[in-house]
Amino acid sequence: MARFDQTDFFEADYPGFAFSQYLVRRDADEILNFDPNQSRELLKLELLKFHRSATSLKSDRADVLMLAQRIISPAELSERSGRSSQSVVVELKRFNIPRIAFGWDRRVISKMQQFAEIL
C-alpha cells in the first residue's frame, strides 16, 4: 500500500465515467478503516446513515469521505506511526483524548506532538 500513499486520484480526470454517488457499507468500512463491528457504532451514533438498496446497505459517498476527513481510525494511526494499534489506543486513553465512535478527531490528533509529523 505504501506505493499508493503519494497517488492522487481526481474524478474530473475521467469525465466519461459515471461514478456512483453511493458506497456500499463494505466500501465505506474500508475507506474509514473500520471493521463491521466498528461501523455498527457509526450507525448507532448516527454519524453515518445507510439506506437499503436491493441486497445491500448504501451511504452517500460524500458523507463517507467527509467522515474520513474528520475521524482517524486506530488502524490508520497505527500504520502512519509505525506502532501497534493497541499502543496508540493506550497512549490516547492516557491523554484522555475523546473518541468518536472507534476513532478520534483527526484535527485533535494532528496537533499532538507525537503525531503531528505523520498527519
N, C-alpha and C. Protein backbone atom coordinates (compact mmCIF):
# COMPACT_ATOMS: atom_id res chain seq x y z
N MET A 1 0.81 -1.20 0.00
CA MET A 1 0.00 0.00 0.00
C MET A 1 0.85 1.26 0.00
N ALA A 2 2.06 1.17 0.52
CA ALA A 2 2.90 2.36 0.63
C ALA A 2 3.11 3.03 -0.73
N ARG A 3 3.16 2.27 -1.79
CA ARG A 3 3.40 2.88 -3.10
C ARG A 3 2.22 3.73 -3.56
N PHE A 4 1.06 3.58 -2.94
CA PHE A 4 -0.11 4.38 -3.30
C PHE A 4 -0.27 5.61 -2.41
N ASP A 5 0.56 5.75 -1.39
CA ASP A 5 0.45 6.89 -0.47
C ASP A 5 0.56 8.23 -1.19
N GLN A 6 1.36 8.30 -2.20
CA GLN A 6 1.58 9.57 -2.90
C GLN A 6 0.75 9.67 -4.18
N THR A 7 -0.21 8.78 -4.35
CA THR A 7 -1.04 8.77 -5.54
C THR A 7 -2.28 9.63 -5.33
N ASP A 8 -2.53 10.50 -6.27
CA ASP A 8 -3.73 11.32 -6.23
C ASP A 8 -4.69 10.84 -7.31
N PHE A 9 -5.95 10.85 -6.98
CA PHE A 9 -6.98 10.45 -7.93
C PHE A 9 -7.99 11.58 -8.01
N PHE A 10 -8.25 12.03 -9.20
CA PHE A 10 -9.22 13.09 -9.39
C PHE A 10 -10.32 12.60 -10.32
N GLU A 11 -11.51 12.57 -9.80
CA GLU A 11 -12.66 12.11 -10.57
C GLU A 11 -12.82 12.90 -11.86
N ALA A 12 -12.50 14.18 -11.81
CA ALA A 12 -12.63 15.04 -13.00
C ALA A 12 -11.73 14.60 -14.15
N ASP A 13 -10.70 13.82 -13.85
CA ASP A 13 -9.80 13.31 -14.90
C ASP A 13 -10.46 12.21 -15.74
N TYR A 14 -11.64 11.77 -15.33
CA TYR A 14 -12.35 10.69 -16.02
C TYR A 14 -13.78 11.14 -16.36
N PRO A 15 -13.91 12.13 -17.22
CA PRO A 15 -15.24 12.70 -17.49
C PRO A 15 -16.22 11.72 -18.13
N GLY A 16 -15.74 10.70 -18.77
CA GLY A 16 -16.63 9.75 -19.44
C GLY A 16 -17.11 8.62 -18.56
N PHE A 17 -16.69 8.60 -17.31
CA PHE A 17 -17.06 7.50 -16.41
C PHE A 17 -18.12 7.99 -15.43
N ALA A 18 -19.17 7.21 -15.27
CA ALA A 18 -20.27 7.58 -14.36
C ALA A 18 -19.99 7.01 -12.97
N PHE A 19 -19.35 7.79 -12.13
CA PHE A 19 -19.07 7.36 -10.76
C PHE A 19 -20.36 7.36 -9.95
N SER A 20 -20.50 6.36 -9.09
CA SER A 20 -21.68 6.27 -8.26
C SER A 20 -21.63 7.29 -7.13
N GLN A 21 -22.77 7.79 -6.80
CA GLN A 21 -22.89 8.73 -5.68
C GLN A 21 -22.91 7.97 -4.35
N TYR A 22 -23.09 6.65 -4.42
CA TYR A 22 -23.25 5.86 -3.21
C TYR A 22 -22.14 4.83 -3.05
N LEU A 23 -21.91 4.46 -1.81
CA LEU A 23 -20.96 3.39 -1.48
C LEU A 23 -21.70 2.33 -0.68
N VAL A 24 -21.41 1.07 -0.98
CA VAL A 24 -21.97 0.01 -0.15
C VAL A 24 -21.24 0.03 1.19
N ARG A 25 -21.86 -0.55 2.19
CA ARG A 25 -21.31 -0.48 3.55
C ARG A 25 -19.89 -1.02 3.63
N ARG A 26 -19.61 -2.10 2.95
CA ARG A 26 -18.27 -2.70 2.99
C ARG A 26 -17.22 -1.71 2.47
N ASP A 27 -17.54 -0.98 1.40
CA ASP A 27 -16.60 0.01 0.88
C ASP A 27 -16.44 1.18 1.84
N ALA A 28 -17.52 1.59 2.46
CA ALA A 28 -17.44 2.67 3.46
C ALA A 28 -16.54 2.24 4.63
N ASP A 29 -16.72 0.99 5.09
CA ASP A 29 -15.87 0.47 6.17
C ASP A 29 -14.40 0.48 5.76
N GLU A 30 -14.14 0.13 4.52
CA GLU A 30 -12.76 0.09 4.02
C GLU A 30 -12.15 1.49 4.00
N ILE A 31 -12.90 2.46 3.52
CA ILE A 31 -12.40 3.84 3.46
C ILE A 31 -12.12 4.37 4.86
N LEU A 32 -12.99 4.03 5.80
CA LEU A 32 -12.85 4.52 7.17
C LEU A 32 -11.89 3.68 8.02
N ASN A 33 -11.41 2.57 7.47
CA ASN A 33 -10.56 1.63 8.21
C ASN A 33 -11.27 1.07 9.43
N PHE A 34 -12.56 0.82 9.30
CA PHE A 34 -13.35 0.26 10.38
C PHE A 34 -13.78 -1.15 9.99
N ASP A 35 -13.86 -2.02 10.97
CA ASP A 35 -14.41 -3.35 10.71
C ASP A 35 -15.93 -3.26 10.89
N PRO A 36 -16.67 -4.32 10.52
CA PRO A 36 -18.14 -4.25 10.62
C PRO A 36 -18.64 -3.92 12.02
N ASN A 37 -17.99 -4.41 13.05
CA ASN A 37 -18.42 -4.09 14.42
C ASN A 37 -18.24 -2.60 14.71
N GLN A 38 -17.15 -2.04 14.25
CA GLN A 38 -16.90 -0.62 14.48
C GLN A 38 -17.89 0.23 13.68
N SER A 39 -18.22 -0.19 12.49
CA SER A 39 -19.15 0.60 11.69
C SER A 39 -20.56 0.56 12.28
N ARG A 40 -20.89 -0.47 13.02
CA ARG A 40 -22.18 -0.50 13.71
C ARG A 40 -22.28 0.66 14.70
N GLU A 41 -21.16 1.01 15.30
CA GLU A 41 -21.12 2.14 16.22
C GLU A 41 -21.44 3.44 15.48
N LEU A 42 -20.95 3.57 14.25
CA LEU A 42 -21.27 4.76 13.44
C LEU A 42 -22.77 4.86 13.22
N LEU A 43 -23.39 3.73 12.97
CA LEU A 43 -24.84 3.70 12.75
C LEU A 43 -25.58 4.07 14.03
N LYS A 44 -25.13 3.49 15.14
CA LYS A 44 -25.78 3.74 16.42
C LYS A 44 -25.68 5.22 16.80
N LEU A 45 -24.53 5.82 16.56
CA LEU A 45 -24.33 7.24 16.89
C LEU A 45 -24.85 8.18 15.80
N GLU A 46 -25.37 7.59 14.73
CA GLU A 46 -25.90 8.33 13.58
C GLU A 46 -24.87 9.26 12.96
N LEU A 47 -23.61 8.82 12.96
CA LEU A 47 -22.55 9.58 12.30
C LEU A 47 -22.57 9.34 10.79
N LEU A 48 -23.17 8.23 10.42
CA LEU A 48 -23.28 7.87 9.02
C LEU A 48 -24.61 7.17 8.81
N LYS A 49 -25.33 7.55 7.79
CA LYS A 49 -26.63 6.94 7.53
C LYS A 49 -26.53 6.04 6.30
N PHE A 50 -27.15 4.89 6.42
CA PHE A 50 -27.22 3.93 5.33
C PHE A 50 -28.67 3.69 4.99
N HIS A 51 -28.93 3.40 3.74
CA HIS A 51 -30.27 3.00 3.33
C HIS A 51 -30.17 1.69 2.55
N ARG A 52 -31.22 0.92 2.64
CA ARG A 52 -31.24 -0.38 1.97
C ARG A 52 -31.51 -0.16 0.49
N SER A 53 -30.69 -0.83 -0.30
CA SER A 53 -30.84 -0.78 -1.76
C SER A 53 -30.65 -2.20 -2.26
N ALA A 54 -31.72 -2.78 -2.71
CA ALA A 54 -31.70 -4.18 -3.16
C ALA A 54 -31.19 -5.07 -2.03
N THR A 55 -29.98 -5.61 -2.19
CA THR A 55 -29.46 -6.55 -1.19
C THR A 55 -28.35 -5.95 -0.32
N SER A 56 -28.13 -4.65 -0.42
CA SER A 56 -27.02 -4.06 0.33
C SER A 56 -27.45 -2.76 1.02
N LEU A 57 -26.60 -2.34 1.93
CA LEU A 57 -26.77 -1.04 2.57
C LEU A 57 -25.84 -0.05 1.88
N LYS A 58 -26.36 1.13 1.56
CA LYS A 58 -25.56 2.13 0.87
C LYS A 58 -25.61 3.45 1.62
N SER A 59 -24.52 4.21 1.48
CA SER A 59 -24.43 5.53 2.06
C SER A 59 -23.93 6.50 1.00
N ASP A 60 -24.24 7.75 1.19
CA ASP A 60 -23.77 8.76 0.25
C ASP A 60 -22.25 8.85 0.31
N ARG A 61 -21.62 8.78 -0.84
CA ARG A 61 -20.16 8.79 -0.92
C ARG A 61 -19.56 10.05 -0.30
N ALA A 62 -20.16 11.19 -0.53
CA ALA A 62 -19.65 12.45 0.02
C ALA A 62 -19.67 12.43 1.55
N ASP A 63 -20.72 11.83 2.14
CA ASP A 63 -20.80 11.73 3.60
C ASP A 63 -19.69 10.85 4.15
N VAL A 64 -19.41 9.74 3.47
CA VAL A 64 -18.34 8.83 3.91
C VAL A 64 -17.00 9.55 3.84
N LEU A 65 -16.74 10.25 2.75
CA LEU A 65 -15.46 10.94 2.58
C LEU A 65 -15.30 12.08 3.59
N MET A 66 -16.39 12.78 3.90
CA MET A 66 -16.32 13.84 4.92
C MET A 66 -16.01 13.24 6.29
N LEU A 67 -16.61 12.10 6.60
CA LEU A 67 -16.35 11.44 7.87
C LEU A 67 -14.90 10.94 7.93
N ALA A 68 -14.38 10.46 6.81
CA ALA A 68 -12.99 10.01 6.75
C ALA A 68 -12.03 11.17 6.97
N GLN A 69 -12.40 12.36 6.55
CA GLN A 69 -11.57 13.54 6.80
C GLN A 69 -11.63 13.95 8.27
N ARG A 70 -12.73 13.63 8.93
CA ARG A 70 -12.92 14.03 10.33
C ARG A 70 -12.34 13.05 11.33
N ILE A 71 -12.47 11.75 11.05
CA ILE A 71 -12.09 10.71 12.01
C ILE A 71 -10.86 9.95 11.52
N ILE A 72 -9.94 9.70 12.44
CA ILE A 72 -8.81 8.82 12.13
C ILE A 72 -8.99 7.54 12.95
N SER A 73 -8.86 6.42 12.30
CA SER A 73 -9.06 5.13 12.96
C SER A 73 -7.77 4.68 13.64
N PRO A 74 -7.87 3.76 14.60
CA PRO A 74 -6.66 3.18 15.20
C PRO A 74 -5.77 2.53 14.14
N ALA A 75 -6.37 1.88 13.15
CA ALA A 75 -5.59 1.21 12.11
C ALA A 75 -4.77 2.21 11.30
N GLU A 76 -5.38 3.33 10.92
CA GLU A 76 -4.65 4.33 10.14
C GLU A 76 -3.55 4.97 10.97
N LEU A 77 -3.86 5.31 12.21
CA LEU A 77 -2.86 5.94 13.07
C LEU A 77 -1.71 4.98 13.35
N SER A 78 -2.03 3.72 13.49
CA SER A 78 -1.00 2.69 13.69
C SER A 78 -0.09 2.59 12.47
N GLU A 79 -0.69 2.53 11.30
CA GLU A 79 0.08 2.42 10.05
C GLU A 79 0.97 3.63 9.85
N ARG A 80 0.43 4.80 10.06
CA ARG A 80 1.20 6.03 9.84
C ARG A 80 2.33 6.21 10.86
N SER A 81 2.11 5.75 12.09
CA SER A 81 3.11 5.96 13.14
C SER A 81 4.09 4.80 13.27
N GLY A 82 3.77 3.67 12.65
CA GLY A 82 4.64 2.50 12.76
C GLY A 82 4.54 1.83 14.12
N ARG A 83 3.46 2.08 14.82
CA ARG A 83 3.24 1.50 16.14
C ARG A 83 2.02 0.58 16.09
N SER A 84 1.89 -0.25 17.08
CA SER A 84 0.73 -1.14 17.11
C SER A 84 -0.53 -0.34 17.43
N SER A 85 -1.65 -0.84 16.96
CA SER A 85 -2.93 -0.20 17.25
C SER A 85 -3.16 -0.10 18.75
N GLN A 86 -2.80 -1.18 19.44
CA GLN A 86 -3.02 -1.21 20.89
C GLN A 86 -2.21 -0.12 21.59
N SER A 87 -0.95 0.09 21.20
CA SER A 87 -0.14 1.12 21.87
C SER A 87 -0.69 2.51 21.57
N VAL A 88 -1.21 2.72 20.38
CA VAL A 88 -1.81 4.01 20.04
C VAL A 88 -3.05 4.25 20.90
N VAL A 89 -3.89 3.24 21.02
CA VAL A 89 -5.12 3.36 21.82
C VAL A 89 -4.77 3.66 23.28
N VAL A 90 -3.80 2.92 23.83
CA VAL A 90 -3.40 3.12 25.21
C VAL A 90 -2.88 4.54 25.43
N GLU A 91 -2.05 5.02 24.52
CA GLU A 91 -1.50 6.37 24.67
C GLU A 91 -2.58 7.43 24.62
N LEU A 92 -3.50 7.30 23.69
CA LEU A 92 -4.55 8.31 23.58
C LEU A 92 -5.52 8.25 24.75
N LYS A 93 -5.73 7.07 25.32
CA LYS A 93 -6.53 6.96 26.54
C LYS A 93 -5.82 7.66 27.69
N ARG A 94 -4.51 7.49 27.75
CA ARG A 94 -3.73 8.11 28.83
C ARG A 94 -3.84 9.63 28.78
N PHE A 95 -3.92 10.19 27.59
CA PHE A 95 -4.07 11.64 27.44
C PHE A 95 -5.53 12.09 27.44
N ASN A 96 -6.44 11.15 27.68
CA ASN A 96 -7.89 11.44 27.73
C ASN A 96 -8.40 12.09 26.44
N ILE A 97 -7.91 11.61 25.31
CA ILE A 97 -8.40 12.10 24.02
C ILE A 97 -9.75 11.45 23.76
N PRO A 98 -10.80 12.25 23.60
CA PRO A 98 -12.14 11.67 23.41
C PRO A 98 -12.26 10.92 22.09
N ARG A 99 -13.02 9.85 22.15
CA ARG A 99 -13.25 9.04 20.95
C ARG A 99 -14.44 9.57 20.17
N ILE A 100 -14.41 9.31 18.89
CA ILE A 100 -15.57 9.49 18.03
C ILE A 100 -15.80 8.10 17.45
N ALA A 101 -16.84 7.45 17.92
CA ALA A 101 -17.07 6.04 17.58
C ALA A 101 -15.81 5.27 17.96
N PHE A 102 -15.16 4.62 17.00
CA PHE A 102 -13.95 3.86 17.30
C PHE A 102 -12.69 4.58 16.83
N GLY A 103 -12.78 5.86 16.57
CA GLY A 103 -11.62 6.62 16.14
C GLY A 103 -11.49 7.89 16.96
N TRP A 104 -10.75 8.85 16.41
CA TRP A 104 -10.55 10.13 17.08
C TRP A 104 -10.67 11.25 16.07
N ASP A 105 -10.86 12.45 16.57
CA ASP A 105 -10.91 13.62 15.72
C ASP A 105 -9.53 13.85 15.13
N ARG A 106 -9.45 13.81 13.83
CA ARG A 106 -8.17 13.92 13.11
C ARG A 106 -7.47 15.25 13.44
N ARG A 107 -8.22 16.34 13.58
CA ARG A 107 -7.61 17.64 13.88
C ARG A 107 -6.95 17.65 15.26
N VAL A 108 -7.60 17.04 16.24
CA VAL A 108 -7.04 16.97 17.59
C VAL A 108 -5.75 16.16 17.57
N ILE A 109 -5.78 15.01 16.91
CA ILE A 109 -4.60 14.14 16.86
C ILE A 109 -3.45 14.83 16.13
N SER A 110 -3.76 15.57 15.06
CA SER A 110 -2.69 16.22 14.29
C SER A 110 -1.97 17.31 15.09
N LYS A 111 -2.58 17.79 16.15
CA LYS A 111 -1.96 18.81 17.00
C LYS A 111 -1.08 18.21 18.09
N MET A 112 -1.14 16.90 18.25
CA MET A 112 -0.32 16.23 19.26
C MET A 112 1.10 16.08 18.72
N GLN A 113 2.08 16.43 19.52
CA GLN A 113 3.47 16.43 19.08
C GLN A 113 3.90 15.08 18.50
N GLN A 114 3.51 13.98 19.14
CA GLN A 114 3.96 12.66 18.70
C GLN A 114 3.33 12.21 17.39
N PHE A 115 2.27 12.90 16.93
CA PHE A 115 1.61 12.50 15.69
C PHE A 115 1.62 13.61 14.64
N ALA A 116 1.99 14.81 15.00
CA ALA A 116 1.89 15.95 14.10
C ALA A 116 2.63 15.74 12.78
N GLU A 117 3.79 15.15 12.81
CA GLU A 117 4.60 14.99 11.60
C GLU A 117 4.06 13.93 10.64
N ILE A 118 3.26 13.02 11.13
CA ILE A 118 2.77 11.94 10.26
C ILE A 118 1.41 12.21 9.66
N LEU A 119 0.74 13.26 10.13
CA LEU A 119 -0.58 13.57 9.59
C LEU A 119 -0.46 14.76 8.74
